């Protein structure tokens, strides 16, 4: 009998998955339209193909119309601030500036990660992420997210989808066996991405606000942050580069 990994043991510790539902969540976003996070953009043909294979293996178990591109979440920023000072779940340019300065202070270089097989949280299956050094811990310290995580200890991962109902977890694991064992996919990380999504859409597509280039230590903007706040706020002025 194959020995279970700690992730698999944790998943099988409860009988059922957690059900997700497709609805607006006004109690969470309170009318604010967009949510922002730091992530690694993993939207490459090889990762998309592995993600699609996992979705096929779990067909019928996942919420329909999951559109989020492959990515590895690094840290949550929150909602773009509508006024100053920001409330607890909002952020402004002062937070982003502090994060960029912290990244620059580390002198980070490009690093390699590997995408592995299928595992699962209670609410979502995912592809495992492996890296040989302390790059994730260093980056997350710069992004001020080494504290408690809302879903337990931080586990880098690529989300495959969201469970549509409370399914027996042993039956879900049986589906995992439909995916043949494949070698890990190596991916070179050259930048960190500041991404956003529409808060009212569960599993909606991500859009890119900016990228932080590891080699140059520069922040390149692709869209003004003010465009994603509900009203113009002093703390969200847009600059082409943050150095």
Protein backbone atom coordinates (compact mmCIF):
# COMPACT_ATOMS: atom_id res chain seq x y z
CA UNK A 1 0.00 0.00 0.00
CA UNK A 2 1.32 3.42 -0.96
CA UNK A 3 2.08 5.66 2.01
CA UNK A 4 -0.14 8.73 2.08
CA UNK A 5 1.48 12.15 1.85
CA UNK A 6 0.76 14.67 4.64
CA UNK A 7 -1.45 16.63 2.22
CA UNK A 8 -3.48 13.52 1.38
CA UNK A 9 -3.75 12.57 5.05
CA UNK A 10 -5.04 16.03 5.89
CA UNK A 11 -7.60 15.88 3.08
CA UNK A 12 -8.89 12.46 4.15
CA UNK A 13 -9.19 13.47 7.81
CA UNK A 14 -12.79 14.65 7.22
CA UNK A 15 -15.53 12.74 5.39
CA UNK A 16 -16.82 15.33 2.90
CA UNK A 17 -15.52 18.15 0.75
CA UNK A 18 -16.83 21.68 1.27
CA UNK A 19 -19.53 22.86 -1.12
CA UNK A 20 -18.99 26.04 -3.13
CA UNK A 21 -21.85 27.94 -4.72
CA UNK A 22 -22.09 30.33 -7.62
CA UNK A 23 -23.52 33.54 -6.21
CA UNK A 24 -22.62 37.09 -5.35
CA UNK A 25 -21.03 37.54 -1.91
CA UNK A 26 -22.13 41.05 -0.86
CA UNK A 27 -21.43 40.31 2.81
CA UNK A 28 -17.76 39.98 1.84
CA UNK A 29 -17.15 42.59 -0.86
CA UNK A 30 -19.75 45.11 0.42
CA UNK A 31 -20.15 46.62 -3.02
CA UNK A 32 -16.43 46.89 -3.77
CA UNK A 33 -15.83 45.57 -7.25
CA UNK A 34 -12.29 44.18 -7.37
CA UNK A 35 -9.89 42.20 -5.19
CA UNK A 36 -6.11 42.21 -5.62
CA UNK A 37 -3.36 39.69 -4.83
CA UNK A 38 0.29 38.91 -5.51
CA UNK A 39 0.90 35.69 -7.42
CA UNK A 40 3.12 33.78 -9.81
CA UNK A 41 1.54 33.73 -13.27
CA UNK A 42 1.62 30.08 -14.37
CA UNK A 43 -0.51 30.43 -17.49
CA UNK A 44 1.71 28.43 -19.84
CA UNK A 45 0.63 25.73 -22.33
CA UNK A 46 2.17 22.89 -20.31
CA UNK A 47 0.60 23.96 -17.00
CA UNK A 48 -2.76 24.62 -18.67
CA UNK A 49 -2.66 21.12 -20.17
CA UNK A 50 -1.97 19.51 -16.78
CA UNK A 51 -4.71 21.59 -15.16
CA UNK A 52 -7.17 20.57 -17.91
CA UNK A 53 -6.31 16.88 -17.42
CA UNK A 54 -7.05 17.22 -13.69
CA UNK A 55 -10.36 18.95 -14.45
CA UNK A 56 -11.36 16.12 -16.79
CA UNK A 57 -10.56 13.54 -14.12
CA UNK A 58 -12.81 15.43 -11.68
CA UNK A 59 -15.61 16.07 -14.19
CA UNK A 60 -18.98 16.38 -12.46
CA UNK A 61 -17.45 17.26 -9.09
CA UNK A 62 -16.37 20.82 -9.83
CA UNK A 63 -18.27 24.09 -10.04
CA UNK A 64 -19.02 25.02 -13.65
CA UNK A 65 -17.34 27.93 -15.42
CA UNK A 66 -14.19 28.16 -13.35
CA UNK A 67 -12.21 30.70 -15.40
CA UNK A 68 -9.23 31.53 -13.21
CA UNK A 69 -5.92 31.12 -15.03
CA UNK A 70 -3.19 28.91 -13.51
CA UNK A 71 -1.35 30.84 -10.82
CA UNK A 72 0.33 30.43 -7.44
CA UNK A 73 -0.97 32.89 -4.86
CA UNK A 74 1.80 34.53 -2.84
CA UNK A 75 -0.04 37.11 -0.72
CA UNK A 76 -3.40 38.83 -0.52
CA UNK A 77 -3.52 42.63 -0.80
CA UNK A 78 -7.26 43.19 -0.45
CA UNK A 79 -9.69 45.64 -2.00
CA UNK A 80 -8.27 48.86 -3.51
CA UNK A 81 -8.90 51.57 -0.92
CA UNK A 82 -11.86 53.85 -1.56
CA UNK A 83 -10.69 56.44 0.96
CA UNK A 84 -7.86 57.12 3.40
CA UNK A 85 -7.02 55.55 5.69
CA UNK A 86 -7.90 52.09 4.25
CA UNK A 87 -10.08 49.80 6.33
CA UNK A 88 -8.78 46.39 7.45
CA UNK A 89 -9.38 44.49 4.18
CA UNK A 90 -8.27 47.35 1.88
CA UNK A 91 -4.86 48.58 0.75
CA UNK A 92 -3.32 51.67 -0.84
CA UNK A 93 -0.12 52.63 -2.68
CA UNK A 94 1.75 52.94 0.62
CA UNK A 95 1.44 49.18 1.16
CA UNK A 96 2.54 48.47 -2.41
CA UNK A 97 5.48 50.84 -2.08
CA UNK A 98 6.60 49.14 1.14
CA UNK A 99 6.29 45.72 -0.47
CA UNK A 100 8.34 46.75 -3.51
CA UNK A 101 11.05 48.29 -1.34
CA UNK A 102 11.22 45.11 0.72
CA UNK A 103 11.58 43.01 -2.44
CA UNK A 104 14.30 45.32 -3.74
CA UNK A 105 16.13 45.08 -0.43
CA UNK A 106 16.42 41.30 -0.79
CA UNK A 107 18.16 41.47 -4.16
CA UNK A 108 16.05 38.58 -5.40
CA UNK A 109 17.03 36.61 -8.50
CA UNK A 110 15.02 34.36 -10.78
CA UNK A 111 14.35 30.91 -9.33
CA UNK A 112 12.91 27.56 -10.41
CA UNK A 113 9.80 25.80 -9.19
CA UNK A 114 8.20 22.52 -10.22
CA UNK A 115 4.53 21.68 -10.76
CA UNK A 116 3.58 18.21 -9.59
CA UNK A 117 0.51 16.04 -9.21
CA UNK A 118 -3.01 16.43 -7.88
CA UNK A 119 -3.85 16.98 -4.20
CA UNK A 120 -6.71 18.79 -2.51
CA UNK A 121 -7.88 21.19 0.15
CA UNK A 122 -11.35 20.72 1.60
CA UNK A 123 -12.88 23.13 -0.90
CA UNK A 124 -10.61 22.87 -3.95
CA UNK A 125 -8.30 20.41 -5.73
CA UNK A 126 -4.88 21.70 -6.77
CA UNK A 127 -1.59 20.86 -8.44
CA UNK A 128 1.32 20.71 -6.02
CA UNK A 129 4.19 23.20 -6.24
CA UNK A 130 7.75 22.35 -5.27
CA UNK A 131 10.84 24.53 -4.97
CA UNK A 132 14.33 23.69 -3.80
CA UNK A 133 15.20 26.81 -1.84
CA UNK A 134 13.58 29.35 0.46
CA UNK A 135 12.32 31.60 -2.31
CA UNK A 136 8.66 31.44 -1.29
CA UNK A 137 9.38 32.25 2.34
CA UNK A 138 11.62 35.18 1.37
CA UNK A 139 9.09 36.64 -1.07
CA UNK A 140 6.22 36.25 1.37
CA UNK A 141 8.16 37.99 4.12
CA UNK A 142 8.63 40.94 1.76
CA UNK A 143 4.91 40.95 1.04
CA UNK A 144 4.11 40.92 4.77
CA UNK A 145 2.21 37.65 4.70
CA UNK A 146 4.22 35.31 6.89
CA UNK A 147 1.64 35.51 9.66
CA UNK A 148 -1.44 33.37 10.06
CA UNK A 149 -3.17 32.35 6.85
CA UNK A 150 -6.99 32.24 6.72
CA UNK A 151 -6.92 28.62 5.52
CA UNK A 152 -4.11 27.31 7.71
CA UNK A 153 -0.37 27.00 6.94
CA UNK A 154 0.65 28.37 3.57
CA UNK A 155 0.85 25.71 0.85
CA UNK A 156 1.96 26.91 -2.61
CA UNK A 157 -0.40 25.43 -5.19
CA UNK A 158 -2.16 25.85 -8.52
CA UNK A 159 -5.93 25.66 -7.98
CA UNK A 160 -7.71 23.33 -10.44
CA UNK A 161 -11.29 24.31 -9.57
CA UNK A 162 -13.84 24.45 -6.75
CA UNK A 163 -15.98 21.58 -5.48
CA UNK A 164 -19.65 21.98 -6.43
CA UNK A 165 -20.99 19.91 -3.54
CA UNK A 166 -20.10 18.00 -0.38
CA UNK A 167 -18.61 14.89 -1.97
CA UNK A 168 -17.21 11.87 -0.07
CA UNK A 169 -13.49 12.53 0.04
CA UNK A 170 -12.53 8.90 -0.48
CA UNK A 171 -14.44 8.93 -3.77
CA UNK A 172 -12.71 12.13 -4.80
CA UNK A 173 -9.31 10.56 -4.15
CA UNK A 174 -10.31 7.60 -6.32
CA UNK A 175 -10.65 10.05 -9.20
CA UNK A 176 -7.06 11.17 -8.66
CA UNK A 177 -5.91 7.73 -9.79
CA UNK A 178 -7.33 8.44 -13.27
CA UNK A 179 -4.42 10.79 -13.89
CA UNK A 180 -1.25 8.91 -14.87
CA UNK A 181 1.91 9.64 -12.95
CA UNK A 182 3.80 12.33 -14.81
CA UNK A 183 7.16 14.02 -14.24
CA UNK A 184 7.13 17.42 -12.58
CA UNK A 185 6.99 20.47 -14.81
CA UNK A 186 9.89 22.87 -14.28
CA UNK A 187 9.06 26.56 -14.44
CA UNK A 188 11.48 29.50 -14.29
CA UNK A 189 10.12 32.38 -12.18
CA UNK A 190 11.38 35.73 -13.49
CA UNK A 191 8.71 38.06 -12.12
CA UNK A 192 5.93 38.41 -9.57
CA UNK A 193 2.49 39.50 -10.74
CA UNK A 194 0.00 41.84 -9.12
CA UNK A 195 -3.34 40.37 -10.19
CA UNK A 196 -6.99 41.19 -9.62
CA UNK A 197 -10.45 39.73 -10.16
CA UNK A 198 -14.08 40.78 -10.01
CA UNK A 199 -15.14 40.24 -6.40
CA UNK A 200 -18.73 39.28 -7.27
CA UNK A 201 -17.67 36.37 -9.53
CA UNK A 202 -16.54 33.16 -7.86
CA UNK A 203 -13.74 31.63 -9.92
CA UNK A 204 -13.72 34.55 -12.38
CA UNK A 205 -10.79 35.34 -14.67
CA UNK A 206 -7.72 37.18 -13.41
CA UNK A 207 -6.37 40.40 -14.89
CA UNK A 208 -2.82 41.76 -14.61
CA UNK A 209 -2.22 45.11 -12.94
CA UNK A 210 1.56 45.05 -12.70
CA UNK A 211 4.67 42.87 -12.70
CA UNK A 212 7.72 43.07 -10.48
CA UNK A 213 10.82 41.95 -12.38
CA UNK A 214 13.16 39.99 -10.12
CA UNK A 215 16.35 40.71 -12.06
CA UNK A 216 15.91 44.49 -12.36
CA UNK A 217 13.89 45.20 -9.20
CA UNK A 218 11.42 47.31 -11.15
CA UNK A 219 7.61 47.38 -10.98
CA UNK A 220 6.00 47.71 -14.42
CA UNK A 221 2.34 48.74 -14.54
CA UNK A 222 -0.11 47.51 -17.18
CA UNK A 223 -3.27 49.17 -15.83
CA UNK A 224 -3.85 52.05 -13.39
CA UNK A 225 -4.92 50.82 -9.99
CA UNK A 226 -7.46 53.65 -9.77
CA UNK A 227 -9.40 51.98 -12.57
CA UNK A 228 -10.29 49.16 -10.19
CA UNK A 229 -11.33 51.25 -7.20
CA UNK A 230 -14.93 52.39 -6.99
CA UNK A 231 -13.86 55.98 -6.68
CA UNK A 232 -10.60 57.90 -6.94
CA UNK A 233 -8.63 57.77 -3.71
CA UNK A 234 -5.50 59.67 -2.68
CA UNK A 235 -3.72 56.45 -1.81
CA UNK A 236 -4.12 54.88 -5.24
CA UNK A 237 -2.38 57.20 -7.64
CA UNK A 238 -0.87 55.40 -10.61
CA UNK A 239 2.77 55.58 -11.64
CA UNK A 240 4.30 53.78 -14.61
CA UNK A 241 7.21 52.45 -12.56
CA UNK A 242 7.79 52.06 -8.85
CA UNK A 243 11.52 51.91 -8.07
